[in-house]
Amino acid sequence: MRAFIGCHEVVSDTDFVELALGTPVELWLGVEGESEMERAARLDAARDILADNPDFPDRVSQVAAEAIEAFAPELFNVVSLPRPVGRRRPSRKAAAA
């Protein structure tokens, strides 16, 4: 089964996230071996994106929930567990006669 976001075909999980959010995953997660200067520039760019798009965290949450629902729906099957019944200790007091 092939998946598309807009006119772009999704070929990996990373593609799905990048196309759905409009930003590369590396912007948020970083890359191995980046220098402190590169990290500071990346975080600065991320802050600018968040400032310009205040609804971005909500979109990220929505994309994550939709991906979970599509690829692992059993994670949303929430079942209430029965409450444990407390054990009562027998009374050690004697009854008055």
N, C-alpha and C. Protein backbone atom coordinates (compact mmCIF):
# COMPACT_ATOMS: atom_id res chain seq x y z
N MET A 1 0.85 -1.17 0.00
CA MET A 1 0.00 0.00 0.00
C MET A 1 0.89 1.24 0.00
N ARG A 2 0.59 2.18 -0.83
CA ARG A 2 1.37 3.40 -0.95
C ARG A 2 0.65 4.54 -0.24
N ALA A 3 1.43 5.40 0.39
CA ALA A 3 0.86 6.53 1.11
C ALA A 3 1.38 7.83 0.50
N PHE A 4 0.50 8.82 0.45
CA PHE A 4 0.87 10.12 -0.09
C PHE A 4 0.44 11.21 0.87
N ILE A 5 1.26 12.24 0.97
CA ILE A 5 0.89 13.47 1.66
C ILE A 5 1.04 14.56 0.61
N GLY A 6 -0.09 15.16 0.26
CA GLY A 6 -0.08 16.08 -0.87
C GLY A 6 0.23 15.29 -2.12
N CYS A 7 1.21 15.75 -2.89
CA CYS A 7 1.59 15.02 -4.09
C CYS A 7 2.89 14.24 -3.89
N HIS A 8 3.35 14.15 -2.63
CA HIS A 8 4.60 13.46 -2.33
C HIS A 8 4.33 12.06 -1.77
N GLU A 9 5.05 11.08 -2.28
CA GLU A 9 4.90 9.72 -1.78
C GLU A 9 5.75 9.54 -0.53
N VAL A 10 5.17 8.91 0.46
CA VAL A 10 5.86 8.62 1.71
C VAL A 10 6.50 7.25 1.55
N VAL A 11 7.83 7.20 1.70
CA VAL A 11 8.52 5.92 1.55
C VAL A 11 9.16 5.45 2.85
N SER A 12 9.14 6.29 3.89
CA SER A 12 9.70 5.88 5.18
C SER A 12 8.99 6.64 6.30
N ASP A 13 9.22 6.21 7.51
CA ASP A 13 8.63 6.91 8.66
C ASP A 13 9.11 8.35 8.73
N THR A 14 10.38 8.55 8.41
CA THR A 14 10.94 9.89 8.43
C THR A 14 10.27 10.78 7.39
N ASP A 15 10.03 10.23 6.20
CA ASP A 15 9.31 10.99 5.17
C ASP A 15 7.92 11.40 5.65
N PHE A 16 7.24 10.48 6.32
CA PHE A 16 5.90 10.76 6.82
C PHE A 16 5.93 11.97 7.75
N VAL A 17 6.84 11.95 8.70
CA VAL A 17 6.92 13.04 9.68
C VAL A 17 7.32 14.35 8.99
N GLU A 18 8.34 14.29 8.14
CA GLU A 18 8.80 15.51 7.47
C GLU A 18 7.72 16.12 6.58
N LEU A 19 7.03 15.29 5.82
CA LEU A 19 5.99 15.81 4.93
C LEU A 19 4.77 16.30 5.71
N ALA A 20 4.43 15.61 6.77
CA ALA A 20 3.26 16.01 7.56
C ALA A 20 3.51 17.31 8.30
N LEU A 21 4.73 17.49 8.79
CA LEU A 21 5.02 18.68 9.59
C LEU A 21 5.63 19.82 8.78
N GLY A 22 6.24 19.49 7.67
CA GLY A 22 6.87 20.51 6.85
C GLY A 22 8.26 20.91 7.30
N THR A 23 8.85 20.16 8.21
CA THR A 23 10.22 20.43 8.66
C THR A 23 10.98 19.11 8.73
N PRO A 24 12.29 19.16 8.55
CA PRO A 24 13.07 17.93 8.67
C PRO A 24 13.17 17.49 10.13
N VAL A 25 13.16 16.21 10.35
CA VAL A 25 13.24 15.64 11.70
C VAL A 25 14.54 16.07 12.39
N GLU A 26 15.61 16.18 11.62
CA GLU A 26 16.91 16.53 12.19
C GLU A 26 16.89 17.90 12.86
N LEU A 27 15.99 18.79 12.41
CA LEU A 27 15.89 20.10 13.02
C LEU A 27 15.52 19.98 14.49
N TRP A 28 14.67 19.02 14.82
CA TRP A 28 14.19 18.87 16.19
C TRP A 28 15.04 17.90 17.00
N LEU A 29 15.57 16.88 16.33
CA LEU A 29 16.31 15.84 17.06
C LEU A 29 17.82 16.01 17.00
N GLY A 30 18.31 16.80 16.06
CA GLY A 30 19.75 16.97 15.90
C GLY A 30 20.34 15.83 15.10
N VAL A 31 21.63 15.95 14.86
CA VAL A 31 22.36 14.91 14.13
C VAL A 31 23.59 14.54 14.95
N GLU A 32 23.99 13.31 14.80
CA GLU A 32 25.15 12.83 15.53
C GLU A 32 26.39 13.58 15.09
N GLY A 33 27.18 14.01 16.06
CA GLY A 33 28.44 14.67 15.77
C GLY A 33 28.33 16.15 15.45
N GLU A 34 27.17 16.77 15.68
CA GLU A 34 27.07 18.19 15.39
C GLU A 34 27.87 18.99 16.42
N SER A 35 28.43 20.09 15.97
CA SER A 35 29.22 20.94 16.86
C SER A 35 28.28 21.79 17.72
N GLU A 36 28.83 22.43 18.73
CA GLU A 36 28.03 23.31 19.58
C GLU A 36 27.46 24.47 18.77
N MET A 37 28.23 24.95 17.82
CA MET A 37 27.77 26.05 16.98
C MET A 37 26.60 25.60 16.09
N GLU A 38 26.71 24.41 15.52
CA GLU A 38 25.62 23.87 14.69
C GLU A 38 24.38 23.63 15.54
N ARG A 39 24.58 23.11 16.74
CA ARG A 39 23.46 22.84 17.65
C ARG A 39 22.75 24.15 18.01
N ALA A 40 23.52 25.19 18.33
CA ALA A 40 22.93 26.48 18.67
C ALA A 40 22.14 27.04 17.50
N ALA A 41 22.67 26.94 16.29
CA ALA A 41 21.97 27.43 15.10
C ALA A 41 20.69 26.63 14.86
N ARG A 42 20.76 25.32 15.04
CA ARG A 42 19.59 24.46 14.84
C ARG A 42 18.50 24.81 15.84
N LEU A 43 18.87 24.98 17.10
CA LEU A 43 17.88 25.31 18.13
C LEU A 43 17.31 26.71 17.92
N ASP A 44 18.13 27.63 17.43
CA ASP A 44 17.65 28.97 17.13
C ASP A 44 16.60 28.92 16.01
N ALA A 45 16.88 28.13 14.98
CA ALA A 45 15.92 27.98 13.89
C ALA A 45 14.63 27.33 14.39
N ALA A 46 14.75 26.35 15.25
CA ALA A 46 13.56 25.69 15.81
C ALA A 46 12.73 26.68 16.63
N ARG A 47 13.39 27.52 17.42
CA ARG A 47 12.66 28.53 18.19
C ARG A 47 11.94 29.51 17.27
N ASP A 48 12.58 29.89 16.17
CA ASP A 48 11.93 30.79 15.22
C ASP A 48 10.69 30.14 14.61
N ILE A 49 10.78 28.88 14.27
CA ILE A 49 9.63 28.17 13.70
C ILE A 49 8.50 28.10 14.71
N LEU A 50 8.82 27.80 15.97
CA LEU A 50 7.78 27.74 17.00
C LEU A 50 7.16 29.12 17.24
N ALA A 51 7.97 30.17 17.19
CA ALA A 51 7.44 31.52 17.39
C ALA A 51 6.50 31.91 16.25
N ASP A 52 6.84 31.51 15.02
CA ASP A 52 6.02 31.85 13.86
C ASP A 52 4.79 30.96 13.72
N ASN A 53 4.80 29.79 14.35
CA ASN A 53 3.71 28.81 14.23
C ASN A 53 3.29 28.32 15.61
N PRO A 54 2.52 29.09 16.34
CA PRO A 54 2.16 28.70 17.70
C PRO A 54 1.34 27.41 17.78
N ASP A 55 0.70 27.00 16.68
CA ASP A 55 -0.07 25.76 16.69
C ASP A 55 0.78 24.54 16.34
N PHE A 56 2.07 24.73 16.12
CA PHE A 56 2.94 23.64 15.70
C PHE A 56 2.97 22.47 16.70
N PRO A 57 3.09 22.71 18.02
CA PRO A 57 3.07 21.56 18.94
C PRO A 57 1.78 20.75 18.85
N ASP A 58 0.65 21.42 18.63
CA ASP A 58 -0.61 20.70 18.47
C ASP A 58 -0.60 19.85 17.20
N ARG A 59 -0.04 20.39 16.12
CA ARG A 59 0.06 19.62 14.87
C ARG A 59 0.95 18.41 15.05
N VAL A 60 2.05 18.58 15.79
CA VAL A 60 2.95 17.46 16.05
C VAL A 60 2.21 16.36 16.81
N SER A 61 1.47 16.75 17.83
CA SER A 61 0.70 15.78 18.60
C SER A 61 -0.33 15.08 17.74
N GLN A 62 -0.99 15.82 16.87
CA GLN A 62 -1.99 15.24 15.98
C GLN A 62 -1.36 14.24 15.02
N VAL A 63 -0.22 14.61 14.43
CA VAL A 63 0.46 13.70 13.51
C VAL A 63 0.89 12.43 14.23
N ALA A 64 1.42 12.59 15.44
CA ALA A 64 1.85 11.42 16.21
C ALA A 64 0.66 10.52 16.52
N ALA A 65 -0.45 11.10 16.94
CA ALA A 65 -1.64 10.30 17.26
C ALA A 65 -2.18 9.59 16.03
N GLU A 66 -2.20 10.28 14.89
CA GLU A 66 -2.69 9.65 13.66
C GLU A 66 -1.76 8.52 13.22
N ALA A 67 -0.47 8.70 13.39
CA ALA A 67 0.48 7.64 13.02
C ALA A 67 0.30 6.43 13.92
N ILE A 68 0.12 6.67 15.21
CA ILE A 68 -0.09 5.55 16.13
C ILE A 68 -1.40 4.84 15.80
N GLU A 69 -2.43 5.62 15.54
CA GLU A 69 -3.73 5.02 15.22
C GLU A 69 -3.66 4.19 13.94
N ALA A 70 -2.88 4.67 12.97
CA ALA A 70 -2.79 3.96 11.69
C ALA A 70 -1.91 2.72 11.77
N PHE A 71 -0.81 2.80 12.51
CA PHE A 71 0.17 1.72 12.49
C PHE A 71 0.21 0.87 13.75
N ALA A 72 -0.39 1.33 14.82
CA ALA A 72 -0.42 0.54 16.05
C ALA A 72 -1.72 0.83 16.81
N PRO A 73 -2.87 0.52 16.20
CA PRO A 73 -4.14 0.87 16.82
C PRO A 73 -4.37 0.21 18.18
N GLU A 74 -3.68 -0.88 18.43
CA GLU A 74 -3.87 -1.55 19.72
C GLU A 74 -3.40 -0.67 20.89
N LEU A 75 -2.57 0.34 20.62
CA LEU A 75 -2.14 1.24 21.68
C LEU A 75 -3.28 2.13 22.17
N PHE A 76 -4.32 2.32 21.34
CA PHE A 76 -5.46 3.12 21.74
C PHE A 76 -6.58 2.28 22.35
N ASN A 77 -6.43 0.97 22.39
CA ASN A 77 -7.44 0.11 23.00
C ASN A 77 -7.24 0.11 24.51
N VAL A 78 -7.85 1.07 25.16
CA VAL A 78 -7.70 1.23 26.60
C VAL A 78 -8.82 0.47 27.29
N VAL A 79 -8.44 -0.35 28.24
CA VAL A 79 -9.42 -1.13 28.99
C VAL A 79 -9.26 -0.80 30.46
N SER A 80 -10.36 -0.51 31.10
CA SER A 80 -10.30 -0.24 32.54
C SER A 80 -10.03 -1.53 33.29
N LEU A 81 -9.09 -1.46 34.20
CA LEU A 81 -8.77 -2.63 35.01
C LEU A 81 -9.64 -2.63 36.25
N PRO A 82 -10.01 -3.82 36.73
CA PRO A 82 -10.82 -3.87 37.94
C PRO A 82 -10.00 -3.35 39.12
N ARG A 83 -10.70 -2.69 40.02
CA ARG A 83 -10.02 -2.18 41.21
C ARG A 83 -9.73 -3.34 42.15
N PRO A 84 -8.54 -3.34 42.73
CA PRO A 84 -8.24 -4.42 43.66
C PRO A 84 -9.11 -4.27 44.92
N VAL A 85 -9.59 -5.39 45.38
CA VAL A 85 -10.42 -5.39 46.58
C VAL A 85 -9.48 -5.46 47.78
N GLY A 86 -9.65 -4.52 48.66
CA GLY A 86 -8.80 -4.49 49.85
C GLY A 86 -9.12 -5.66 50.77
N ARG A 87 -8.08 -6.27 51.32
CA ARG A 87 -8.29 -7.39 52.25
C ARG A 87 -8.51 -6.82 53.64
N ARG A 88 -9.51 -7.32 54.30
CA ARG A 88 -9.78 -6.88 55.66
C ARG A 88 -9.13 -7.85 56.63
N ARG A 89 -8.51 -7.29 57.60
CA ARG A 89 -7.91 -8.12 58.64
C ARG A 89 -8.98 -8.42 59.68
N PRO A 90 -8.93 -9.64 60.19
CA PRO A 90 -9.91 -9.96 61.23
C PRO A 90 -9.62 -9.13 62.47
N SER A 91 -10.69 -8.73 63.13
CA SER A 91 -10.57 -7.90 64.32
C SER A 91 -9.98 -8.74 65.46
N ARG A 92 -9.10 -8.14 66.23
CA ARG A 92 -8.49 -8.84 67.36
C ARG A 92 -9.19 -8.47 68.67
N LYS A 93 -10.16 -7.63 68.58
CA LYS A 93 -10.88 -7.23 69.79
C LYS A 93 -11.93 -8.30 70.11
N ALA A 94 -12.04 -8.57 71.35
CA ALA A 94 -13.04 -9.56 71.80
C ALA A 94 -14.37 -8.87 71.97
N ALA A 95 -15.43 -9.60 71.73
CA ALA A 95 -16.76 -9.05 71.89
C ALA A 95 -17.11 -9.05 73.37
N ALA A 96 -17.80 -8.00 73.81
CA ALA A 96 -18.23 -7.93 75.21
C ALA A 96 -19.39 -8.86 75.42
N ALA A 97 -19.38 -9.52 76.56
CA ALA A 97 -20.43 -10.47 76.85
C ALA A 97 -21.54 -9.90 77.63
